[in-house]
């Protein structure tokens, strides 16, 4: 039986160009290692849902992959370009995003209430104010506790009590 020469030539399908590219055996091996490592890392992170039988379709370009999945607890990456494209597809024009001359009273009122609450909290309970500021900065429990010179469990308890008080009042 005669072997086909096309089967012996190493090629890679490059999705952005929509074409097969002829490569050397070393380049193909390196490409497969790169793609395999990228796929496995994404699968461990829960961002790749490609079935094993379809893994030959993986080319390491996860952002445009049909098998891309985003975990429920993953942070969503926002992009102005994507949001604008979605808006244009839904019939929104560019002028819809321009600022209008109307006063932003709701935002101003919310800002005034928040400033008043923070000022009152700073005066009556400075430690609670510091805890609230550390929460707003996104500090970890351990780092916040060290900054306030208290044990981590004490910080967690005081934080929970503060949040409980704020929920009851507001």
C-alpha atoms as a PDB file:
ATOM      1  CA  UNK A   1       0.000   0.000   0.000  1.00  0.00           C
ATOM      2  CA  UNK A   2       1.304   3.424  -0.953  1.00  0.00           C
ATOM      3  CA  UNK A   3       1.606   6.061   1.811  1.00  0.00           C
ATOM      4  CA  UNK A   4       0.323   9.547   1.189  1.00  0.00           C
ATOM      5  CA  UNK A   5       2.982  12.291   1.418  1.00  0.00           C
ATOM      6  CA  UNK A   6       0.503  14.704   3.038  1.00  0.00           C
ATOM      7  CA  UNK A   7       0.338  12.457   6.098  1.00  0.00           C
ATOM      8  CA  UNK A   8       4.092  12.723   6.649  1.00  0.00           C
ATOM      9  CA  UNK A   9       4.232  16.528   6.458  1.00  0.00           C
ATOM     10  CA  UNK A  10       3.721  18.182   9.881  1.00  0.00           C
ATOM     11  CA  UNK A  11       1.081  20.917   9.703  1.00  0.00           C
ATOM     12  CA  UNK A  12      -0.711  23.095  12.226  1.00  0.00           C
ATOM     13  CA  UNK A  13      -4.130  24.676  11.798  1.00  0.00           C
ATOM     14  CA  UNK A  14      -3.896  28.337  12.804  1.00  0.00           C
ATOM     15  CA  UNK A  15      -7.425  29.543  13.552  1.00  0.00           C
ATOM     16  CA  UNK A  16      -6.901  33.339  13.221  1.00  0.00           C
ATOM     17  CA  UNK A  17      -5.683  32.902   9.638  1.00  0.00           C
ATOM     18  CA  UNK A  18      -8.073  30.016   8.903  1.00  0.00           C
ATOM     19  CA  UNK A  19      -5.370  27.998   7.208  1.00  0.00           C
ATOM     20  CA  UNK A  20      -3.014  25.084   7.653  1.00  0.00           C
ATOM     21  CA  UNK A  21       0.635  26.013   8.091  1.00  0.00           C
ATOM     22  CA  UNK A  22       3.484  23.691   7.202  1.00  0.00           C
ATOM     23  CA  UNK A  23       6.065  23.434  10.001  1.00  0.00           C
ATOM     24  CA  UNK A  24       9.091  21.396  10.948  1.00  0.00           C
ATOM     25  CA  UNK A  25       8.649  18.400  13.271  1.00  0.00           C
ATOM     26  CA  UNK A  26      10.375  20.323  16.100  1.00  0.00           C
ATOM     27  CA  UNK A  27       8.028  23.297  15.665  1.00  0.00           C
ATOM     28  CA  UNK A  28       5.004  20.984  15.698  1.00  0.00           C
ATOM     29  CA  UNK A  29       6.268  19.264  18.879  1.00  0.00           C
ATOM     30  CA  UNK A  30       6.836  22.651  20.577  1.00  0.00           C
ATOM     31  CA  UNK A  31       3.397  23.866  19.449  1.00  0.00           C
ATOM     32  CA  UNK A  32       1.675  20.755  20.815  1.00  0.00           C
ATOM     33  CA  UNK A  33       3.501  21.119  24.130  1.00  0.00           C
ATOM     34  CA  UNK A  34       2.519  24.781  24.398  1.00  0.00           C
ATOM     35  CA  UNK A  35      -1.122  24.118  23.499  1.00  0.00           C
ATOM     36  CA  UNK A  36      -1.308  21.104  25.819  1.00  0.00           C
ATOM     37  CA  UNK A  37       0.115  23.035  28.755  1.00  0.00           C
ATOM     38  CA  UNK A  38      -2.216  25.996  28.112  1.00  0.00           C
ATOM     39  CA  UNK A  39      -5.264  23.719  27.798  1.00  0.00           C
ATOM     40  CA  UNK A  40      -4.450  21.774  30.965  1.00  0.00           C
ATOM     41  CA  UNK A  41      -3.872  24.967  32.960  1.00  0.00           C
ATOM     42  CA  UNK A  42      -7.199  26.399  31.777  1.00  0.00           C
ATOM     43  CA  UNK A  43      -8.976  23.116  32.546  1.00  0.00           C
ATOM     44  CA  UNK A  44      -7.549  23.080  36.086  1.00  0.00           C
ATOM     45  CA  UNK A  45      -8.719  26.672  36.532  1.00  0.00           C
ATOM     46  CA  UNK A  46     -12.193  25.756  35.255  1.00  0.00           C
ATOM     47  CA  UNK A  47     -11.995  28.050  32.219  1.00  0.00           C
ATOM     48  CA  UNK A  48     -11.806  25.290  29.577  1.00  0.00           C
ATOM     49  CA  UNK A  49     -14.570  22.747  29.030  1.00  0.00           C
ATOM     50  CA  UNK A  50     -13.206  21.008  25.946  1.00  0.00           C
ATOM     51  CA  UNK A  51     -14.012  17.278  25.940  1.00  0.00           C
ATOM     52  CA  UNK A  52     -11.081  14.889  25.680  1.00  0.00           C
ATOM     53  CA  UNK A  53     -12.221  13.600  22.278  1.00  0.00           C
ATOM     54  CA  UNK A  54     -12.219  17.170  20.916  1.00  0.00           C
ATOM     55  CA  UNK A  55      -8.832  18.164  22.370  1.00  0.00           C
ATOM     56  CA  UNK A  56      -7.291  18.009  18.893  1.00  0.00           C
ATOM     57  CA  UNK A  57      -9.249  21.195  18.114  1.00  0.00           C
ATOM     58  CA  UNK A  58      -7.453  23.139  20.853  1.00  0.00           C
ATOM     59  CA  UNK A  59      -4.999  25.740  19.572  1.00  0.00           C
ATOM     60  CA  UNK A  60      -4.291  27.622  22.801  1.00  0.00           C
ATOM     61  CA  UNK A  61      -6.344  30.679  21.809  1.00  0.00           C
ATOM     62  CA  UNK A  62      -8.810  30.474  24.677  1.00  0.00           C
ATOM     63  CA  UNK A  63     -10.455  33.879  24.299  1.00  0.00           C
ATOM     64  CA  UNK A  64     -12.183  32.873  21.050  1.00  0.00           C
ATOM     65  CA  UNK A  65     -12.574  29.129  21.698  1.00  0.00           C
ATOM     66  CA  UNK A  66     -16.011  27.560  21.396  1.00  0.00           C
ATOM     67  CA  UNK A  67     -15.252  25.356  24.425  1.00  0.00           C
ATOM     68  CA  UNK A  68     -14.389  28.255  26.720  1.00  0.00           C
ATOM     69  CA  UNK A  69     -16.318  28.282  29.978  1.00  0.00           C
ATOM     70  CA  UNK A  70     -16.158  30.792  32.777  1.00  0.00           C
ATOM     71  CA  UNK A  71     -16.469  29.611  36.385  1.00  0.00           C
ATOM     72  CA  UNK A  72     -19.371  31.046  38.373  1.00  0.00           C
ATOM     73  CA  UNK A  73     -17.084  32.546  41.020  1.00  0.00           C
ATOM     74  CA  UNK A  74     -14.629  34.081  38.529  1.00  0.00           C
ATOM     75  CA  UNK A  75     -14.309  37.833  38.292  1.00  0.00           C
ATOM     76  CA  UNK A  76     -15.954  39.190  35.179  1.00  0.00           C
ATOM     77  CA  UNK A  77     -13.663  41.271  33.019  1.00  0.00           C
ATOM     78  CA  UNK A  78     -15.405  44.336  31.712  1.00  0.00           C
ATOM     79  CA  UNK A  79     -14.360  46.065  28.555  1.00  0.00           C
ATOM     80  CA  UNK A  80     -15.685  49.294  27.130  1.00  0.00           C
ATOM     81  CA  UNK A  81     -15.199  48.010  23.582  1.00  0.00           C
ATOM     82  CA  UNK A  82     -17.248  44.864  24.199  1.00  0.00           C
ATOM     83  CA  UNK A  83     -19.976  46.776  26.004  1.00  0.00           C
ATOM     84  CA  UNK A  84     -20.160  49.328  23.179  1.00  0.00           C
ATOM     85  CA  UNK A  85     -20.341  46.574  20.550  1.00  0.00           C
ATOM     86  CA  UNK A  86     -23.161  44.903  22.475  1.00  0.00           C
ATOM     87  CA  UNK A  87     -24.981  48.215  22.771  1.00  0.00           C
ATOM     88  CA  UNK A  88     -24.666  48.942  19.045  1.00  0.00           C
ATOM     89  CA  UNK A  89     -26.020  45.492  18.229  1.00  0.00           C
ATOM     90  CA  UNK A  90     -29.056  46.239  20.394  1.00  0.00           C
ATOM     91  CA  UNK A  91     -29.813  49.450  18.528  1.00  0.00           C
ATOM     92  CA  UNK A  92     -28.197  51.994  20.827  1.00  0.00           C
ATOM     93  CA  UNK A  93     -26.432  54.863  19.101  1.00  0.00           C
ATOM     94  CA  UNK A  94     -23.159  56.548  20.043  1.00  0.00           C
ATOM     95  CA  UNK A  95     -24.990  59.655  21.208  1.00  0.00           C
ATOM     96  CA  UNK A  96     -26.816  57.612  23.845  1.00  0.00           C
ATOM     97  CA  UNK A  97     -23.615  57.535  25.906  1.00  0.00           C
ATOM     98  CA  UNK A  98     -23.006  61.294  25.917  1.00  0.00           C
ATOM     99  CA  UNK A  99     -23.518  63.142  29.182  1.00  0.00           C
ATOM    100  CA  UNK A 100     -26.708  65.099  29.528  1.00  0.00           C
ATOM    101  CA  UNK A 101     -27.295  68.401  31.316  1.00  0.00           C
ATOM    102  CA  UNK A 102     -29.662  67.021  33.940  1.00  0.00           C
ATOM    103  CA  UNK A 103     -28.454  67.254  37.562  1.00  0.00           C
ATOM    104  CA  UNK A 104     -27.410  64.014  39.160  1.00  0.00           C
ATOM    105  CA  UNK A 105     -29.389  64.578  42.339  1.00  0.00           C
ATOM    106  CA  UNK A 106     -29.722  60.921  43.298  1.00  0.00           C
ATOM    107  CA  UNK A 107     -25.967  60.426  43.195  1.00  0.00           C
ATOM    108  CA  UNK A 108     -25.365  63.659  45.079  1.00  0.00           C
ATOM    109  CA  UNK A 109     -27.872  62.703  47.786  1.00  0.00           C
ATOM    110  CA  UNK A 110     -26.333  59.221  48.161  1.00  0.00           C
ATOM    111  CA  UNK A 111     -22.884  60.767  48.370  1.00  0.00           C
ATOM    112  CA  UNK A 112     -24.025  63.233  51.028  1.00  0.00           C
ATOM    113  CA  UNK A 113     -25.647  60.446  53.093  1.00  0.00           C
ATOM    114  CA  UNK A 114     -22.538  58.294  52.859  1.00  0.00           C
ATOM    115  CA  UNK A 115     -20.261  61.174  53.862  1.00  0.00           C
ATOM    116  CA  UNK A 116     -22.554  61.989  56.791  1.00  0.00           C
ATOM    117  CA  UNK A 117     -22.542  58.336  57.891  1.00  0.00           C
ATOM    118  CA  UNK A 118     -18.751  58.109  57.681  1.00  0.00           C
ATOM    119  CA  UNK A 119     -18.280  61.383  59.574  1.00  0.00           C
ATOM    120  CA  UNK A 120     -20.627  60.225  62.329  1.00  0.00           C
ATOM    121  CA  UNK A 121     -18.927  56.816  62.489  1.00  0.00           C
ATOM    122  CA  UNK A 122     -15.469  58.424  62.657  1.00  0.00           C
ATOM    123  CA  UNK A 123     -16.557  60.579  65.589  1.00  0.00           C
ATOM    124  CA  UNK A 124     -18.478  57.973  67.605  1.00  0.00           C
ATOM    125  CA  UNK A 125     -16.502  54.801  66.895  1.00  0.00           C
ATOM    126  CA  UNK A 126     -13.080  55.381  65.298  1.00  0.00           C
ATOM    127  CA  UNK A 127     -12.192  51.673  65.363  1.00  0.00           C
ATOM    128  CA  UNK A 128     -15.323  50.788  63.359  1.00  0.00           C
ATOM    129  CA  UNK A 129     -14.456  53.535  60.916  1.00  0.00           C
ATOM    130  CA  UNK A 130     -10.964  52.069  60.448  1.00  0.00           C
ATOM    131  CA  UNK A 131     -12.442  48.596  59.917  1.00  0.00           C
ATOM    132  CA  UNK A 132     -14.829  49.986  57.311  1.00  0.00           C
ATOM    133  CA  UNK A 133     -12.005  51.776  55.496  1.00  0.00           C
ATOM    134  CA  UNK A 134      -9.893  48.598  55.451  1.00  0.00           C
ATOM    135  CA  UNK A 135     -12.867  46.689  54.034  1.00  0.00           C
ATOM    136  CA  UNK A 136     -13.299  49.344  51.356  1.00  0.00           C
ATOM    137  CA  UNK A 137      -9.583  49.063  50.468  1.00  0.00           C
ATOM    138  CA  UNK A 138     -10.004  45.312  49.943  1.00  0.00           C
ATOM    139  CA  UNK A 139      -7.440  44.346  52.571  1.00  0.00           C
ATOM    140  CA  UNK A 140      -7.359  40.702  53.677  1.00  0.00           C
ATOM    141  CA  UNK A 141      -8.496  39.779  57.180  1.00  0.00           C
ATOM    142  CA  UNK A 142      -4.943  39.048  58.278  1.00  0.00           C
ATOM    143  CA  UNK A 143      -3.491  42.280  56.857  1.00  0.00           C
ATOM    144  CA  UNK A 144      -6.332  44.343  58.324  1.00  0.00           C
ATOM    145  CA  UNK A 145      -5.896  42.766  61.753  1.00  0.00           C
ATOM    146  CA  UNK A 146      -2.144  43.416  61.696  1.00  0.00           C
ATOM    147  CA  UNK A 147      -2.742  47.013  60.685  1.00  0.00           C
ATOM    148  CA  UNK A 148      -5.101  47.510  63.636  1.00  0.00           C
ATOM    149  CA  UNK A 149      -2.762  45.580  65.994  1.00  0.00           C
ATOM    150  CA  UNK A 150      -5.331  42.956  66.971  1.00  0.00           C
ATOM    151  CA  UNK A 151      -5.741  39.187  66.480  1.00  0.00           C
ATOM    152  CA  UNK A 152      -7.379  38.077  63.253  1.00  0.00           C
ATOM    153  CA  UNK A 153     -10.355  36.458  65.035  1.00  0.00           C
ATOM    154  CA  UNK A 154     -11.016  39.663  66.954  1.00  0.00           C
ATOM    155  CA  UNK A 155     -10.957  41.636  63.705  1.00  0.00           C
ATOM    156  CA  UNK A 156     -13.389  39.176  62.070  1.00  0.00           C
ATOM    157  CA  UNK A 157     -15.731  39.368  65.062  1.00  0.00           C
ATOM    158  CA  UNK A 158     -15.692  43.185  65.142  1.00  0.00           C
ATOM    159  CA  UNK A 159     -16.162  43.351  61.348  1.00  0.00           C
ATOM    160  CA  UNK A 160     -19.167  41.034  61.506  1.00  0.00           C
ATOM    161  CA  UNK A 161     -20.687  43.033  64.366  1.00  0.00           C
ATOM    162  CA  UNK A 162     -20.175  46.284  62.448  1.00  0.00           C
ATOM    163  CA  UNK A 163     -21.776  44.906  59.296  1.00  0.00           C
ATOM    164  CA  UNK A 164     -24.664  43.514  61.335  1.00  0.00           C
ATOM    165  CA  UNK A 165     -25.236  46.928  62.949  1.00  0.00           C
ATOM    166  CA  UNK A 166     -25.138  48.681  59.575  1.00  0.00           C
ATOM    167  CA  UNK A 167     -27.625  46.211  58.073  1.00  0.00           C
ATOM    168  CA  UNK A 168     -30.037  46.740  60.968  1.00  0.00           C
ATOM    169  CA  UNK A 169     -29.869  50.539  60.651  1.00  0.00           C
ATOM    170  CA  UNK A 170     -30.027  50.714  56.873  1.00  0.00           C
END
